[in-house]
Amino acid sequence: MATIYLATMGRRGLQEVARQNLQKSHYAARKIAELNGYEMKYRAPFFNEFVIKTPVPASEVVERLIEKGMVAGLPLEGYYPDMRDSLLMCVTETARKEAIDRLVAELDRIR
């Protein structure tokens, strides 16, 4: 399946997918980091995955977003006990700006 996908996308198509991944994930990270109580956990460069620090336990953030019909990340506490407030997020080319903005608005309600 990967070979077929790459063949149909071509070099230019694959570059466009990568560009969209980068732009959309950085847009989401920037908007989330602007919210009170949220911040980027790390300052290192990233492609489409990033970790945010949450104002309440990350598992609570995920539960509350699920109630709104949204899946928004992986709480890292289960893998790293000292990261109770850390949520791994991923934004790809398939995410629409409206969906990212809705996610940001819902996160803003969770404190």
PDB file of N, CA and C in Angstrom:
ATOM      1  N   MET A   1       0.820  -1.182   0.000  1.00  0.00           N
ATOM      2  CA  MET A   1       0.000   0.000   0.000  1.00  0.00           C
ATOM      3  C   MET A   1       0.873   1.259   0.000  1.00  0.00           C
ATOM      4  N   ALA A   2       1.945   1.212   0.756  1.00  0.00           N
ATOM      5  CA  ALA A   2       2.835   2.373   0.810  1.00  0.00           C
ATOM      6  C   ALA A   2       3.441   2.645  -0.551  1.00  0.00           C
ATOM      7  N   THR A   3       3.815   1.601  -1.266  1.00  0.00           N
ATOM      8  CA  THR A   3       4.407   1.771  -2.588  1.00  0.00           C
ATOM      9  C   THR A   3       3.411   2.399  -3.552  1.00  0.00           C
ATOM     10  N   ILE A   4       2.173   1.941  -3.505  1.00  0.00           N
ATOM     11  CA  ILE A   4       1.135   2.501  -4.376  1.00  0.00           C
ATOM     12  C   ILE A   4       0.898   3.973  -4.028  1.00  0.00           C
ATOM     13  N   TYR A   5       0.818   4.262  -2.734  1.00  0.00           N
ATOM     14  CA  TYR A   5       0.614   5.646  -2.289  1.00  0.00           C
ATOM     15  C   TYR A   5       1.737   6.537  -2.805  1.00  0.00           C
ATOM     16  N   LEU A   6       2.983   6.119  -2.595  1.00  0.00           N
ATOM     17  CA  LEU A   6       4.127   6.927  -3.026  1.00  0.00           C
ATOM     18  C   LEU A   6       4.152   7.093  -4.545  1.00  0.00           C
ATOM     19  N   ALA A   7       3.809   6.037  -5.259  1.00  0.00           N
ATOM     20  CA  ALA A   7       3.807   6.113  -6.717  1.00  0.00           C
ATOM     21  C   ALA A   7       2.735   7.070  -7.224  1.00  0.00           C
ATOM     22  N   THR A   8       1.563   7.045  -6.610  1.00  0.00           N
ATOM     23  CA  THR A   8       0.492   7.937  -7.069  1.00  0.00           C
ATOM     24  C   THR A   8       0.737   9.385  -6.643  1.00  0.00           C
ATOM     25  N   MET A   9       1.397   9.587  -5.527  1.00  0.00           N
ATOM     26  CA  MET A   9       1.675  10.949  -5.051  1.00  0.00           C
ATOM     27  C   MET A   9       2.762  11.608  -5.889  1.00  0.00           C
ATOM     28  N   GLY A  10       3.764  10.849  -6.250  1.00  0.00           N
ATOM     29  CA  GLY A  10       4.897  11.425  -6.969  1.00  0.00           C
ATOM     30  C   GLY A  10       5.735  12.299  -6.043  1.00  0.00           C
ATOM     31  N   ARG A  11       6.864  12.758  -6.578  1.00  0.00           N
ATOM     32  CA  ARG A  11       7.774  13.537  -5.753  1.00  0.00           C
ATOM     33  C   ARG A  11       7.152  14.852  -5.309  1.00  0.00           C
ATOM     34  N   ARG A  12       6.499  15.539  -6.192  1.00  0.00           N
ATOM     35  CA  ARG A  12       5.873  16.830  -5.859  1.00  0.00           C
ATOM     36  C   ARG A  12       4.726  16.643  -4.861  1.00  0.00           C
ATOM     37  N   GLY A  13       3.950  15.598  -5.054  1.00  0.00           N
ATOM     38  CA  GLY A  13       2.839  15.338  -4.137  1.00  0.00           C
ATOM     39  C   GLY A  13       3.322  15.012  -2.738  1.00  0.00           C
ATOM     40  N   LEU A  14       4.377  14.250  -2.650  1.00  0.00           N
ATOM     41  CA  LEU A  14       4.941  13.899  -1.348  1.00  0.00           C
ATOM     42  C   LEU A  14       5.515  15.145  -0.664  1.00  0.00           C
ATOM     43  N   GLN A  15       6.138  16.015  -1.435  1.00  0.00           N
ATOM     44  CA  GLN A  15       6.647  17.273  -0.874  1.00  0.00           C
ATOM     45  C   GLN A  15       5.498  18.128  -0.352  1.00  0.00           C
ATOM     46  N   GLU A  16       4.395  18.143  -1.061  1.00  0.00           N
ATOM     47  CA  GLU A  16       3.229  18.925  -0.633  1.00  0.00           C
ATOM     48  C   GLU A  16       2.635  18.363   0.658  1.00  0.00           C
ATOM     49  N   VAL A  17       2.548  17.046   0.755  1.00  0.00           N
ATOM     50  CA  VAL A  17       2.045  16.409   1.977  1.00  0.00           C
ATOM     51  C   VAL A  17       2.945  16.779   3.156  1.00  0.00           C
ATOM     52  N   ALA A  18       4.238  16.705   2.960  1.00  0.00           N
ATOM     53  CA  ALA A  18       5.183  17.049   4.032  1.00  0.00           C
ATOM     54  C   ALA A  18       5.038  18.526   4.423  1.00  0.00           C
ATOM     55  N   ARG A  19       4.897  19.399   3.446  1.00  0.00           N
ATOM     56  CA  ARG A  19       4.736  20.828   3.727  1.00  0.00           C
ATOM     57  C   ARG A  19       3.471  21.075   4.541  1.00  0.00           C
ATOM     58  N   GLN A  20       2.382  20.428   4.166  1.00  0.00           N
ATOM     59  CA  GLN A  20       1.131  20.600   4.901  1.00  0.00           C
ATOM     60  C   GLN A  20       1.227  20.046   6.323  1.00  0.00           C
ATOM     61  N   ASN A  21       1.881  18.895   6.489  1.00  0.00           N
ATOM     62  CA  ASN A  21       2.097  18.331   7.829  1.00  0.00           C
ATOM     63  C   ASN A  21       2.815  19.353   8.702  1.00  0.00           C
ATOM     64  N   LEU A  22       3.886  19.889   8.191  1.00  0.00           N
ATOM     65  CA  LEU A  22       4.696  20.837   8.942  1.00  0.00           C
ATOM     66  C   LEU A  22       3.908  22.095   9.287  1.00  0.00           C
ATOM     67  N   GLN A  23       3.252  22.688   8.301  1.00  0.00           N
ATOM     68  CA  GLN A  23       2.512  23.930   8.533  1.00  0.00           C
ATOM     69  C   GLN A  23       1.352  23.738   9.509  1.00  0.00           C
ATOM     70  N   LYS A  24       0.592  22.683   9.341  1.00  0.00           N
ATOM     71  CA  LYS A  24      -0.584  22.481  10.189  1.00  0.00           C
ATOM     72  C   LYS A  24      -0.200  22.127  11.623  1.00  0.00           C
ATOM     73  N   SER A  25       0.828  21.320  11.789  1.00  0.00           N
ATOM     74  CA  SER A  25       1.241  20.971  13.147  1.00  0.00           C
ATOM     75  C   SER A  25       1.822  22.180  13.867  1.00  0.00           C
ATOM     76  N   HIS A  26       2.565  23.014  13.168  1.00  0.00           N
ATOM     77  CA  HIS A  26       3.134  24.208  13.801  1.00  0.00           C
ATOM     78  C   HIS A  26       2.057  25.247  14.095  1.00  0.00           C
ATOM     79  N   TYR A  27       1.057  25.325  13.250  1.00  0.00           N
ATOM     80  CA  TYR A  27      -0.077  26.212  13.524  1.00  0.00           C
ATOM     81  C   TYR A  27      -0.783  25.763  14.804  1.00  0.00           C
ATOM     82  N   ALA A  28      -1.072  24.469  14.910  1.00  0.00           N
ATOM     83  CA  ALA A  28      -1.752  23.937  16.090  1.00  0.00           C
ATOM     84  C   ALA A  28      -0.913  24.154  17.347  1.00  0.00           C
ATOM     85  N   ALA A  29       0.363  23.852  17.277  1.00  0.00           N
ATOM     86  CA  ALA A  29       1.240  24.013  18.439  1.00  0.00           C
ATOM     87  C   ALA A  29       1.288  25.468  18.885  1.00  0.00           C
ATOM     88  N   ARG A  30       1.392  26.381  17.949  1.00  0.00           N
ATOM     89  CA  ARG A  30       1.443  27.812  18.274  1.00  0.00           C
ATOM     90  C   ARG A  30       0.154  28.268  18.948  1.00  0.00           C
ATOM     91  N   LYS A  31      -0.984  27.862  18.398  1.00  0.00           N
ATOM     92  CA  LYS A  31      -2.277  28.263  18.955  1.00  0.00           C
ATOM     93  C   LYS A  31      -2.485  27.677  20.351  1.00  0.00           C
ATOM     94  N   ILE A  32      -2.105  26.431  20.544  1.00  0.00           N
ATOM     95  CA  ILE A  32      -2.256  25.802  21.860  1.00  0.00           C
ATOM     96  C   ILE A  32      -1.345  26.488  22.871  1.00  0.00           C
ATOM     97  N   ALA A  33      -0.119  26.776  22.482  1.00  0.00           N
ATOM     98  CA  ALA A  33       0.839  27.413  23.393  1.00  0.00           C
ATOM     99  C   ALA A  33       0.404  28.824  23.798  1.00  0.00           C
ATOM    100  N   GLU A  34      -0.472  29.444  23.016  1.00  0.00           N
ATOM    101  CA  GLU A  34      -0.989  30.778  23.350  1.00  0.00           C
ATOM    102  C   GLU A  34      -2.055  30.730  24.442  1.00  0.00           C
ATOM    103  N   LEU A  35      -2.604  29.543  24.713  1.00  0.00           N
ATOM    104  CA  LEU A  35      -3.656  29.405  25.719  1.00  0.00           C
ATOM    105  C   LEU A  35      -3.076  29.499  27.125  1.00  0.00           C
ATOM    106  N   ASN A  36      -3.832  30.103  28.028  1.00  0.00           N
ATOM    107  CA  ASN A  36      -3.423  30.152  29.431  1.00  0.00           C
ATOM    108  C   ASN A  36      -3.376  28.744  29.996  1.00  0.00           C
ATOM    109  N   GLY A  37      -2.269  28.395  30.634  1.00  0.00           N
ATOM    110  CA  GLY A  37      -2.126  27.088  31.262  1.00  0.00           C
ATOM    111  C   GLY A  37      -1.514  26.024  30.384  1.00  0.00           C
ATOM    112  N   TYR A  38      -1.340  26.289  29.104  1.00  0.00           N
ATOM    113  CA  TYR A  38      -0.741  25.331  28.177  1.00  0.00           C
ATOM    114  C   TYR A  38       0.598  25.876  27.688  1.00  0.00           C
ATOM    115  N   GLU A  39       1.510  24.980  27.403  1.00  0.00           N
ATOM    116  CA  GLU A  39       2.784  25.405  26.828  1.00  0.00           C
ATOM    117  C   GLU A  39       3.445  24.224  26.144  1.00  0.00           C
ATOM    118  N   MET A  40       4.367  24.535  25.276  1.00  0.00           N
ATOM    119  CA  MET A  40       5.153  23.492  24.631  1.00  0.00           C
ATOM    120  C   MET A  40       6.084  22.902  25.677  1.00  0.00           C
ATOM    121  N   LYS A  41       6.140  21.597  25.756  1.00  0.00           N
ATOM    122  CA  LYS A  41       6.997  20.932  26.739  1.00  0.00           C
ATOM    123  C   LYS A  41       8.472  21.045  26.332  1.00  0.00           C
ATOM    124  N   TYR A  42       8.729  21.008  25.037  1.00  0.00           N
ATOM    125  CA  TYR A  42      10.099  21.051  24.530  1.00  0.00           C
ATOM    126  C   TYR A  42      10.230  22.140  23.473  1.00  0.00           C
ATOM    127  N   ARG A  43      11.418  22.659  23.343  1.00  0.00           N
ATOM    128  CA  ARG A  43      11.702  23.711  22.361  1.00  0.00           C
ATOM    129  C   ARG A  43      12.415  23.177  21.118  1.00  0.00           C
ATOM    130  N   ALA A  44      12.631  21.887  21.050  1.00  0.00           N
ATOM    131  CA  ALA A  44      13.338  21.280  19.923  1.00  0.00           C
ATOM    132  C   ALA A  44      12.488  21.347  18.654  1.00  0.00           C
ATOM    133  N   PRO A  45      13.124  21.387  17.498  1.00  0.00           N
ATOM    134  CA  PRO A  45      12.371  21.356  16.235  1.00  0.00           C
ATOM    135  C   PRO A  45      11.534  20.073  16.155  1.00  0.00           C
ATOM    136  N   PHE A  46      10.403  20.165  15.461  1.00  0.00           N
ATOM    137  CA  PHE A  46       9.555  18.987  15.284  1.00  0.00           C
ATOM    138  C   PHE A  46       8.904  19.028  13.918  1.00  0.00           C
ATOM    139  N   PHE A  47       8.419  17.885  13.478  1.00  0.00           N
ATOM    140  CA  PHE A  47       7.749  17.779  12.183  1.00  0.00           C
ATOM    141  C   PHE A  47       6.246  17.864  12.389  1.00  0.00           C
ATOM    142  N   ASN A  48       5.610  16.778  12.819  1.00  0.00           N
ATOM    143  CA  ASN A  48       4.161  16.843  13.029  1.00  0.00           C
ATOM    144  C   ASN A  48       3.715  16.281  14.374  1.00  0.00           C
ATOM    145  N   GLU A  49       4.643  15.958  15.234  1.00  0.00           N
ATOM    146  CA  GLU A  49       4.318  15.505  16.584  1.00  0.00           C
ATOM    147  C   GLU A  49       5.001  16.425  17.586  1.00  0.00           C
ATOM    148  N   PHE A  50       4.275  16.754  18.642  1.00  0.00           N
ATOM    149  CA  PHE A  50       4.818  17.634  19.664  1.00  0.00           C
ATOM    150  C   PHE A  50       4.151  17.315  20.998  1.00  0.00           C
ATOM    151  N   VAL A  51       4.786  17.738  22.078  1.00  0.00           N
ATOM    152  CA  VAL A  51       4.269  17.477  23.420  1.00  0.00           C
ATOM    153  C   VAL A  51       3.882  18.804  24.053  1.00  0.00           C
ATOM    154  N   ILE A  52       2.653  18.836  24.594  1.00  0.00           N
ATOM    155  CA  ILE A  52       2.218  20.034  25.300  1.00  0.00           C
ATOM    156  C   ILE A  52       2.075  19.719  26.785  1.00  0.00           C
ATOM    157  N   LYS A  53       2.335  20.742  27.577  1.00  0.00           N
ATOM    158  CA  LYS A  53       2.115  20.662  29.014  1.00  0.00           C
ATOM    159  C   LYS A  53       0.709  21.179  29.259  1.00  0.00           C
ATOM    160  N   THR A  54      -0.074  20.425  30.017  1.00  0.00           N
ATOM    161  CA  THR A  54      -1.480  20.756  30.236  1.00  0.00           C
ATOM    162  C   THR A  54      -1.697  21.278  31.658  1.00  0.00           C
ATOM    163  N   PRO A  55      -2.724  22.108  31.865  1.00  0.00           N
ATOM    164  CA  PRO A  55      -2.976  22.660  33.195  1.00  0.00           C
ATOM    165  C   PRO A  55      -3.612  21.677  34.171  1.00  0.00           C
ATOM    166  N   VAL A  56      -4.168  20.604  33.658  1.00  0.00           N
ATOM    167  CA  VAL A  56      -4.742  19.523  34.459  1.00  0.00           C
ATOM    168  C   VAL A  56      -4.117  18.231  33.935  1.00  0.00           C
ATOM    169  N   PRO A  57      -4.262  17.118  34.635  1.00  0.00           N
ATOM    170  CA  PRO A  57      -3.674  15.877  34.110  1.00  0.00           C
ATOM    171  C   PRO A  57      -4.087  15.624  32.652  1.00  0.00           C
ATOM    172  N   ALA A  58      -3.123  15.210  31.846  1.00  0.00           N
ATOM    173  CA  ALA A  58      -3.370  15.000  30.417  1.00  0.00           C
ATOM    174  C   ALA A  58      -4.476  13.981  30.172  1.00  0.00           C
ATOM    175  N   SER A  59      -4.577  12.975  31.031  1.00  0.00           N
ATOM    176  CA  SER A  59      -5.642  11.974  30.861  1.00  0.00           C
ATOM    177  C   SER A  59      -7.016  12.612  31.020  1.00  0.00           C
ATOM    178  N   GLU A  60      -7.125  13.601  31.896  1.00  0.00           N
ATOM    179  CA  GLU A  60      -8.388  14.328  32.057  1.00  0.00           C
ATOM    180  C   GLU A  60      -8.707  15.144  30.804  1.00  0.00           C
ATOM    181  N   VAL A  61      -7.692  15.756  30.227  1.00  0.00           N
ATOM    182  CA  VAL A  61      -7.880  16.517  28.984  1.00  0.00           C
ATOM    183  C   VAL A  61      -8.432  15.594  27.908  1.00  0.00           C
ATOM    184  N   VAL A  62      -7.818  14.424  27.761  1.00  0.00           N
ATOM    185  CA  VAL A  62      -8.261  13.467  26.738  1.00  0.00           C
ATOM    186  C   VAL A  62      -9.698  13.027  26.994  1.00  0.00           C
ATOM    187  N   GLU A  63     -10.029  12.706  28.243  1.00  0.00           N
ATOM    188  CA  GLU A  63     -11.392  12.288  28.574  1.00  0.00           C
ATOM    189  C   GLU A  63     -12.410  13.371  28.235  1.00  0.00           C
ATOM    190  N   ARG A  64     -12.097  14.590  28.567  1.00  0.00           N
ATOM    191  CA  ARG A  64     -13.040  15.676  28.301  1.00  0.00           C
ATOM    192  C   ARG A  64     -13.182  15.951  26.811  1.00  0.00           C
ATOM    193  N   LEU A  65     -12.119  15.775  26.057  1.00  0.00           N
ATOM    194  CA  LEU A  65     -12.216  15.947  24.609  1.00  0.00           C
ATOM    195  C   LEU A  65     -13.004  14.802  23.972  1.00  0.00           C
ATOM    196  N   ILE A  66     -12.840  13.602  24.492  1.00  0.00           N
ATOM    197  CA  ILE A  66     -13.607  12.463  23.978  1.00  0.00           C
ATOM    198  C   ILE A  66     -15.103  12.724  24.158  1.00  0.00           C
ATOM    199  N   GLU A  67     -15.468  13.328  25.284  1.00  0.00           N
ATOM    200  CA  GLU A  67     -16.880  13.681  25.519  1.00  0.00           C
ATOM    201  C   GLU A  67     -17.411  14.611  24.435  1.00  0.00           C
ATOM    202  N   LYS A  68     -16.516  15.379  23.812  1.00  0.00           N
ATOM    203  CA  LYS A  68     -16.884  16.298  22.731  1.00  0.00           C
ATOM    204  C   LYS A  68     -16.709  15.654  21.358  1.00  0.00           C
ATOM    205  N   GLY A  69     -16.381  14.359  21.345  1.00  0.00           N
ATOM    206  CA  GLY A  69     -16.214  13.656  20.074  1.00  0.00           C
ATOM    207  C   GLY A  69     -14.867  13.901  19.415  1.00  0.00           C
ATOM    208  N   MET A  70     -13.865  14.258  20.219  1.00  0.00           N
ATOM    209  CA  MET A  70     -12.549  14.569  19.668  1.00  0.00           C
ATOM    210  C   MET A  70     -11.488  13.652  20.276  1.00  0.00           C
ATOM    211  N   VAL A  71     -10.589  13.190  19.438  1.00  0.00           N
ATOM    212  CA  VAL A  71      -9.424  12.443  19.897  1.00  0.00           C
ATOM    213  C   VAL A  71      -8.238  13.368  19.689  1.00  0.00           C
ATOM    214  N   ALA A  72      -7.532  13.683  20.779  1.00  0.00           N
ATOM    215  CA  ALA A  72      -6.550  14.754  20.653  1.00  0.00           C
ATOM    216  C   ALA A  72      -5.153  14.423  21.109  1.00  0.00           C
ATOM    217  N   GLY A  73      -4.849  13.218  21.424  1.00  0.00           N
ATOM    218  CA  GLY A  73      -3.475  12.960  21.805  1.00  0.00           C
ATOM    219  C   GLY A  73      -3.325  11.797  22.746  1.00  0.00           C
ATOM    220  N   LEU A  74      -2.086  11.561  23.115  1.00  0.00           N
ATOM    221  CA  LEU A  74      -1.734  10.445  23.975  1.00  0.00           C
ATOM    222  C   LEU A  74      -1.153  10.976  25.276  1.00  0.00           C
ATOM    223  N   PRO A  75      -1.820  10.722  26.409  1.00  0.00           N
ATOM    224  CA  PRO A  75      -1.231  11.107  27.688  1.00  0.00           C
ATOM    225  C   PRO A  75       0.045  10.288  27.915  1.00  0.00           C
ATOM    226  N   LEU A  76       1.119  10.944  28.279  1.00  0.00           N
ATOM    227  CA  LEU A  76       2.402  10.265  28.402  1.00  0.00           C
ATOM    228  C   LEU A  76       2.661   9.660  29.774  1.00  0.00           C
ATOM    229  N   GLU A  77       1.789   9.915  30.737  1.00  0.00           N
ATOM    230  CA  GLU A  77       1.979   9.411  32.096  1.00  0.00           C
ATOM    231  C   GLU A  77       2.089   7.887  32.145  1.00  0.00           C
ATOM    232  N   GLY A  78       1.357   7.197  31.310  1.00  0.00           N
ATOM    233  CA  GLY A  78       1.409   5.741  31.305  1.00  0.00           C
ATOM    234  C   GLY A  78       2.765   5.186  30.899  1.00  0.00           C
ATOM    235  N   TYR A  79       3.545   5.971  30.198  1.00  0.00           N
ATOM    236  CA  TYR A  79       4.870   5.570  29.757  1.00  0.00           C
ATOM    237  C   TYR A  79       5.970   6.206  30.607  1.00  0.00           C
ATOM    238  N   TYR A  80       5.682   7.408  31.094  1.00  0.00           N
ATOM    239  CA  TYR A  80       6.631   8.172  31.903  1.00  0.00           C
ATOM    240  C   TYR A  80       5.863   8.747  33.093  1.00  0.00           C
ATOM    241  N   PRO A  81       5.886   8.089  34.239  1.00  0.00           N
ATOM    242  CA  PRO A  81       5.069   8.494  35.389  1.00  0.00           C
ATOM    243  C   PRO A  81       5.213   9.956  35.797  1.00  0.00           C
ATOM    244  N   ASP A  82       6.359  10.566  35.545  1.00  0.00           N
ATOM    245  CA  ASP A  82       6.552  11.960  35.931  1.00  0.00           C
ATOM    246  C   ASP A  82       5.974  12.947  34.904  1.00  0.00           C
ATOM    247  N   MET A  83       5.341  12.437  33.863  1.00  0.00           N
ATOM    248  CA  MET A  83       4.785  13.302  32.813  1.00  0.00           C
ATOM    249  C   MET A  83       3.257  13.321  32.859  1.00  0.00           C
ATOM    250  N   ARG A  84       2.712  13.476  34.044  1.00  0.00           N
ATOM    251  CA  ARG A  84       1.254  13.469  34.240  1.00  0.00           C
ATOM    252  C   ARG A  84       0.572  14.601  33.473  1.00  0.00           C
ATOM    253  N   ASP A  85       1.289  15.686  33.269  1.00  0.00           N
ATOM    254  CA  ASP A  85       0.732  16.865  32.603  1.00  0.00           C
ATOM    255  C   ASP A  85       1.180  16.984  31.148  1.00  0.00           C
ATOM    256  N   SER A  86       1.560  15.878  30.542  1.00  0.00           N
ATOM    257  CA  SER A  86       2.127  15.924  29.187  1.00  0.00           C
ATOM    258  C   SER A  86       1.274  15.130  28.206  1.00  0.00           C
ATOM    259  N   LEU A  87       0.973  15.766  27.089  1.00  0.00           N
ATOM    260  CA  LEU A  87       0.124  15.170  26.059  1.00  0.00           C
ATOM    261  C   LEU A  87       0.861  15.210  24.729  1.00  0.00           C
ATOM    262  N   LEU A  88       1.079  14.032  24.144  1.00  0.00           N
ATOM    263  CA  LEU A  88       1.700  13.928  22.831  1.00  0.00           C
ATOM    264  C   LEU A  88       0.625  14.151  21.782  1.00  0.00           C
ATOM    265  N   MET A  89       0.864  15.117  20.910  1.00  0.00           N
ATOM    266  CA  MET A  89      -0.119  15.445  19.879  1.00  0.00           C
ATOM    267  C   MET A  89       0.498  15.246  18.503  1.00  0.00           C
ATOM    268  N   CYS A  90      -0.340  14.955  17.537  1.00  0.00           N
ATOM    269  CA  CYS A  90       0.099  14.774  16.156  1.00  0.00           C
ATOM    270  C   CYS A  90      -0.927  15.444  15.242  1.00  0.00           C
ATOM    271  N   VAL A  91      -0.448  16.260  14.335  1.00  0.00           N
ATOM    272  CA  VAL A  91      -1.317  16.915  13.359  1.00  0.00           C
ATOM    273  C   VAL A  91      -0.761  16.600  11.971  1.00  0.00           C
ATOM    274  N   THR A  92      -1.608  16.077  11.103  1.00  0.00           N
ATOM    275  CA  THR A  92      -1.167  15.702   9.755  1.00  0.00           C
ATOM    276  C   THR A  92      -1.850  16.566   8.709  1.00  0.00           C
ATOM    277  N   GLU A  93      -1.539  16.267   7.461  1.00  0.00           N
ATOM    278  CA  GLU A  93      -2.117  17.013   6.345  1.00  0.00           C
ATOM    279  C   GLU A  93      -3.626  16.843   6.244  1.00  0.00           C
ATOM    280  N   THR A  94      -4.179  15.847   6.883  1.00  0.00           N
ATOM    281  CA  THR A  94      -5.617  15.607   6.798  1.00  0.00           C
ATOM    282  C   THR A  94      -6.428  16.529   7.713  1.00  0.00           C
ATOM    283  N   ALA A  95      -5.754  17.188   8.652  1.00  0.00           N
ATOM    284  CA  ALA A  95      -6.462  18.079   9.589  1.00  0.00           C
ATOM    285  C   ALA A  95      -6.856  19.372   8.885  1.00  0.00           C
ATOM    286  N   ARG A  96      -8.095  19.765   9.065  1.00  0.00           N
ATOM    287  CA  ARG A  96      -8.571  21.037   8.503  1.00  0.00           C
ATOM    288  C   ARG A  96      -8.382  22.135   9.542  1.00  0.00           C
ATOM    289  N   LYS A  97      -8.198  23.341   9.076  1.00  0.00           N
ATOM    290  CA  LYS A  97      -8.000  24.473   9.970  1.00  0.00           C
ATOM    291  C   LYS A  97      -9.161  24.588  10.948  1.00  0.00           C
ATOM    292  N   GLU A  98     -10.372  24.376  10.480  1.00  0.00           N
ATOM    293  CA  GLU A  98     -11.547  24.465  11.348  1.00  0.00           C
ATOM    294  C   GLU A  98     -11.474  23.451  12.490  1.00  0.00           C
ATOM    295  N   ALA A  99     -10.989  22.249  12.193  1.00  0.00           N
ATOM    296  CA  ALA A  99     -10.861  21.215  13.223  1.00  0.00           C
ATOM    297  C   ALA A  99      -9.780  21.593  14.237  1.00  0.00           C
ATOM    298  N   ILE A 100      -8.688  22.151  13.755  1.00  0.00           N
ATOM    299  CA  ILE A 100      -7.625  22.594  14.666  1.00  0.00           C
ATOM    300  C   ILE A 100      -8.146  23.720  15.547  1.00  0.00           C
ATOM    301  N   ASP A 101      -8.841  24.667  14.950  1.00  0.00           N
ATOM    302  CA  ASP A 101      -9.387  25.783  15.728  1.00  0.00           C
ATOM    303  C   ASP A 101     -10.408  25.299  16.753  1.00  0.00           C
ATOM    304  N   ARG A 102     -11.200  24.303  16.402  1.00  0.00           N
ATOM    305  CA  ARG A 102     -12.166  23.735  17.359  1.00  0.00           C
ATOM    306  C   ARG A 102     -11.433  23.063  18.512  1.00  0.00           C
ATOM    307  N   LEU A 103     -10.382  22.325  18.197  1.00  0.00           N
ATOM    308  CA  LEU A 103      -9.577  21.689  19.233  1.00  0.00           C
ATOM    309  C   LEU A 103      -9.009  22.733  20.192  1.00  0.00           C
ATOM    310  N   VAL A 104      -8.466  23.796  19.650  1.00  0.00           N
ATOM    311  CA  VAL A 104      -7.890  24.863  20.470  1.00  0.00           C
ATOM    312  C   VAL A 104      -8.971  25.472  21.362  1.00  0.00           C
ATOM    313  N   ALA A 105     -10.151  25.713  20.807  1.00  0.00           N
ATOM    314  CA  ALA A 105     -11.247  26.289  21.593  1.00  0.00           C
ATOM    315  C   ALA A 105     -11.660  25.350  22.720  1.00  0.00           C
ATOM    316  N   GLU A 106     -11.715  24.063  22.460  1.00  0.00           N
ATOM    317  CA  GLU A 106     -12.088  23.108  23.507  1.00  0.00           C
ATOM    318  C   GLU A 106     -10.992  23.011  24.570  1.00  0.00           C
ATOM    319  N   LEU A 107      -9.743  23.038  24.157  1.00  0.00           N
ATOM    320  CA  LEU A 107      -8.658  23.029  25.140  1.00  0.00           C
ATOM    321  C   LEU A 107      -8.718  24.256  26.029  1.00  0.00           C
ATOM    322  N   ASP A 108      -9.100  25.370  25.456  1.00  0.00           N
ATOM    323  CA  ASP A 108      -9.190  26.612  26.224  1.00  0.00           C
ATOM    324  C   ASP A 108     -10.229  26.513  27.340  1.00  0.00           C
ATOM    325  N   ARG A 109     -11.231  25.664  27.160  1.00  0.00           N
ATOM    326  CA  ARG A 109     -12.274  25.483  28.170  1.00  0.00           C
ATOM    327  C   ARG A 109     -11.833  24.545  29.304  1.00  0.00           C
ATOM    328  N   ILE A 110     -10.755  23.813  29.073  1.00  0.00           N
ATOM    329  CA  ILE A 110     -10.277  22.826  30.054  1.00  0.00           C
ATOM    330  C   ILE A 110      -9.137  23.428  30.856  1.00  0.00           C
ATOM    331  N   ARG A 111      -9.420  23.679  32.137  1.00  0.00           N
ATOM    332  CA  ARG A 111      -8.383  24.216  33.044  1.00  0.00           C
ATOM    333  C   ARG A 111      -8.600  23.697  34.420  1.00  0.00           C
TER     334      ARG A 111
END
